[in-house]
Amino acid sequence: MSRFIKDMNEKGMAGLASEYRKIDMEDVPFGSHKAFVMNMAKNHVLCVDETRVVLKIGSAESGDYIHANYVLFPEFQNKFICTQGPLQTTKDDFWRMVFQERAETILMLCRPSEDGKPKCAVYWPENGDKLELSTVDVEKVGEENSDFEILFFKVQLKDEFKQSPSVSNKDPLVVKQYRWNT
């Protein structure tokens, strides 16, 4: 992961944006998009069904959809998850996914607003604050600054969901969020 972050830092935002623009979503050779179409209010960009993360924690009303896909990358031992930046209406889904998948690292490649255009919601709490969501509570517990701003959060499952058979690990999760500073 540290090599990946170093490479990204060397490319800079312009380099990453250039690579992103080279991706032509019309050429995606596989995949259905039924869940994407059924959840249009939760989406900014295409999400394919075959590799999507299915949410298992939460109430029936909260649903199982999040705009997120598992990705296999040859340079990493483990698969990782790509997701769009959470919207105001999908913050709960995002943190449910982080807890469910035991995602210990979040790499944020955009700011909440860029060039005067909203990109995502501010989905994290500030120091001393707790973000109380329907399924989990998120608390900021620390921060470091370097080329990236690194925030530390504790994500804790609410008591009413700890009995769910879909929850294999009920322990609080400590998460590092890397945010681009440039």
Protein backbone atom coordinates (compact mmCIF):
# COMPACT_ATOMS: atom_id res chain seq x y z
CA MET A 1 0.00 0.00 0.00
CA SER A 2 2.79 2.45 0.82
CA ARG A 3 4.32 1.95 -2.65
CA PHE A 4 0.94 2.59 -4.25
CA ILE A 5 0.50 5.80 -2.24
CA LYS A 6 4.03 6.93 -3.16
CA ASP A 7 3.33 6.31 -6.87
CA MET A 8 0.09 8.26 -6.66
CA ASN A 9 1.81 11.13 -4.93
CA GLU A 10 4.46 11.27 -7.69
CA LYS A 11 1.79 11.34 -10.44
CA GLY A 12 -0.08 14.13 -8.72
CA MET A 13 -3.72 15.01 -9.27
CA ALA A 14 -3.16 15.92 -12.93
CA GLY A 15 -1.58 12.52 -13.65
CA LEU A 16 -4.35 10.63 -11.89
CA ALA A 17 -7.02 12.68 -13.64
CA SER A 18 -5.37 11.92 -16.99
CA GLU A 19 -5.39 8.18 -16.27
CA TYR A 20 -9.02 8.35 -15.17
CA ARG A 21 -10.06 10.12 -18.38
CA LYS A 22 -8.49 7.30 -20.42
CA ILE A 23 -11.02 4.87 -18.99
CA ASP A 24 -13.92 4.48 -21.38
CA MET A 25 -16.90 3.06 -19.54
CA GLU A 26 -18.53 2.18 -22.88
CA ASP A 27 -15.82 -0.46 -23.36
CA VAL A 28 -16.55 -2.38 -20.15
CA PRO A 29 -16.73 -5.92 -21.59
CA PHE A 30 -18.82 -7.47 -18.85
CA GLY A 31 -21.45 -6.86 -16.34
CA SER A 32 -25.03 -6.14 -15.68
CA HIS A 33 -26.14 -2.99 -13.95
CA LYS A 34 -29.53 -3.91 -12.45
CA ALA A 35 -28.67 -2.87 -8.88
CA PHE A 36 -27.18 0.36 -10.23
CA VAL A 37 -30.36 1.18 -12.16
CA MET A 38 -32.59 0.33 -9.17
CA ASN A 39 -30.55 2.67 -6.93
CA MET A 40 -29.95 5.66 -9.22
CA ALA A 41 -30.30 8.16 -6.35
CA LYS A 42 -27.21 6.59 -4.72
CA ASN A 43 -24.97 6.80 -7.79
CA HIS A 44 -22.76 9.20 -9.72
CA VAL A 45 -20.94 6.66 -11.91
CA LEU A 46 -21.49 3.13 -13.21
CA CYS A 47 -21.38 0.16 -10.83
CA VAL A 48 -21.49 -3.46 -12.05
CA ASP A 49 -23.48 -6.19 -10.31
CA GLU A 50 -21.00 -9.06 -10.63
CA THR A 51 -18.38 -7.60 -8.31
CA ARG A 52 -20.46 -5.26 -6.18
CA VAL A 53 -20.25 -5.23 -2.39
CA VAL A 54 -23.54 -6.46 -0.92
CA LEU A 55 -24.34 -4.95 2.46
CA LYS A 56 -25.38 -7.54 5.04
CA ILE A 57 -25.48 -5.42 8.19
CA GLY A 58 -28.42 -3.15 8.90
CA SER A 59 -32.18 -3.06 8.83
CA ALA A 60 -34.26 -4.27 5.90
CA GLU A 61 -35.24 -0.66 5.17
CA SER A 62 -31.60 0.34 4.70
CA GLY A 63 -31.20 -2.17 1.86
CA ASP A 64 -28.12 -4.05 0.65
CA TYR A 65 -26.88 -1.60 -1.99
CA ILE A 66 -23.80 0.58 -1.94
CA HIS A 67 -21.97 1.92 -4.96
CA ALA A 68 -18.85 -0.19 -4.39
CA ASN A 69 -17.05 -3.01 -6.19
CA TYR A 70 -14.37 -5.50 -5.21
CA VAL A 71 -11.23 -5.10 -7.33
CA LEU A 72 -8.40 -7.56 -7.78
CA PHE A 73 -5.08 -5.89 -8.48
CA PRO A 74 -2.05 -8.07 -9.30
CA GLU A 75 0.34 -5.97 -7.22
CA PHE A 76 -1.64 -6.45 -4.00
CA GLN A 77 -2.11 -9.63 -2.02
CA ASN A 78 -5.70 -8.77 -1.11
CA LYS A 79 -8.59 -7.49 -3.13
CA PHE A 80 -9.69 -3.98 -2.40
CA ILE A 81 -12.89 -2.00 -2.76
CA CYS A 82 -13.45 0.97 -5.04
CA THR A 83 -16.39 3.19 -4.22
CA GLN A 84 -17.56 6.62 -5.19
CA GLY A 85 -17.23 9.26 -2.50
CA PRO A 86 -20.26 8.97 -0.21
CA LEU A 87 -23.20 11.27 -0.80
CA GLN A 88 -25.04 12.86 2.12
CA THR A 89 -27.66 10.12 1.73
CA THR A 90 -25.14 7.25 1.56
CA LYS A 91 -22.81 8.00 4.51
CA ASP A 92 -24.49 5.29 6.56
CA ASP A 93 -24.10 2.76 3.73
CA PHE A 94 -20.41 3.66 3.39
CA TRP A 95 -19.57 3.17 7.07
CA ARG A 96 -21.67 -0.04 7.23
CA MET A 97 -19.53 -1.36 4.38
CA VAL A 98 -16.28 -0.28 6.06
CA PHE A 99 -17.28 -2.13 9.24
CA GLN A 100 -18.69 -5.20 7.48
CA GLU A 101 -15.65 -5.62 5.23
CA ARG A 102 -13.22 -4.73 8.05
CA ALA A 103 -11.63 -2.13 5.76
CA GLU A 104 -8.75 -0.69 7.78
CA THR A 105 -7.65 1.83 5.14
CA ILE A 106 -9.58 4.44 3.18
CA LEU A 107 -7.77 6.24 0.38
CA MET A 108 -9.69 9.39 -0.55
CA LEU A 109 -8.72 10.66 -4.00
CA CYS A 110 -10.99 13.69 -4.17
CA ARG A 111 -11.95 16.57 -1.97
CA PRO A 112 -15.58 17.11 -0.97
CA SER A 113 -15.59 20.01 -3.44
CA GLU A 114 -13.27 20.61 -6.41
CA ASP A 115 -13.34 23.60 -8.75
CA GLY A 116 -16.54 24.75 -7.07
CA LYS A 117 -18.33 21.45 -7.80
CA PRO A 118 -19.44 19.03 -5.08
CA LYS A 119 -17.71 15.64 -5.34
CA CYS A 120 -18.84 13.91 -2.15
CA ALA A 121 -20.24 14.61 1.29
CA VAL A 122 -18.07 15.21 4.33
CA TYR A 123 -18.63 11.71 5.67
CA TRP A 124 -16.28 11.77 8.67
CA PRO A 125 -16.50 13.40 12.11
CA GLU A 126 -14.08 16.05 13.33
CA ASN A 127 -11.98 15.76 16.54
CA GLY A 128 -14.05 14.87 19.56
CA ASP A 129 -17.22 14.51 17.51
CA LYS A 130 -19.04 11.25 16.92
CA LEU A 131 -20.96 10.51 13.75
CA GLU A 132 -23.99 8.54 14.92
CA LEU A 133 -25.49 6.56 12.07
CA SER A 134 -28.24 3.94 12.01
CA THR A 135 -25.91 0.93 12.23
CA VAL A 136 -22.51 2.18 13.42
CA ASP A 137 -20.96 5.07 15.30
CA VAL A 138 -17.79 6.68 13.93
CA GLU A 139 -15.41 8.67 16.11
CA LYS A 140 -12.26 10.52 15.06
CA VAL A 141 -9.46 9.40 17.37
CA GLY A 142 -6.34 10.95 15.83
CA GLU A 143 -4.56 12.55 12.92
CA GLU A 144 -1.12 12.85 11.26
CA ASN A 145 0.07 15.12 8.45
CA SER A 146 2.56 14.38 5.67
CA ASP A 147 2.07 14.33 1.90
CA PHE A 148 -1.32 12.97 2.86
CA GLU A 149 -3.46 13.96 5.80
CA ILE A 150 -4.06 10.75 7.74
CA LEU A 151 -7.12 10.59 9.99
CA PHE A 152 -7.84 7.76 12.42
CA PHE A 153 -11.38 6.65 13.23
CA LYS A 154 -12.95 4.11 15.54
CA VAL A 155 -16.00 2.46 13.98
CA GLN A 156 -18.28 0.66 16.40
CA LEU A 157 -21.35 -1.45 15.66
CA LYS A 158 -24.51 -0.39 17.51
CA ASP A 159 -25.70 -2.87 20.13
CA GLU A 160 -28.96 -3.76 18.34
CA PHE A 161 -26.99 -5.18 15.39
CA LYS A 162 -24.47 -7.24 17.38
CA GLN A 163 -26.79 -10.26 17.47
CA SER A 164 -27.12 -10.39 13.68
CA PRO A 165 -25.84 -13.67 12.17
CA SER A 166 -24.35 -11.66 9.29
CA VAL A 167 -21.87 -9.98 11.66
CA SER A 168 -18.81 -12.19 12.10
CA ASN A 169 -16.62 -9.68 13.96
CA LYS A 170 -18.35 -7.35 16.40
CA ASP A 171 -15.17 -5.70 17.72
CA PRO A 172 -14.63 -1.99 17.10
CA LEU A 173 -12.56 -1.27 14.00
CA VAL A 174 -9.77 1.30 13.78
CA VAL A 175 -9.60 2.85 10.31
CA LYS A 176 -6.96 5.07 8.68
CA GLN A 177 -8.20 7.55 6.08
CA TYR A 178 -5.56 9.00 3.74
CA ARG A 179 -6.66 12.33 2.26
CA TRP A 180 -4.83 14.06 -0.56
CA ASN A 181 -3.31 17.40 0.57
CA THR A 182 -2.35 18.88 -2.80
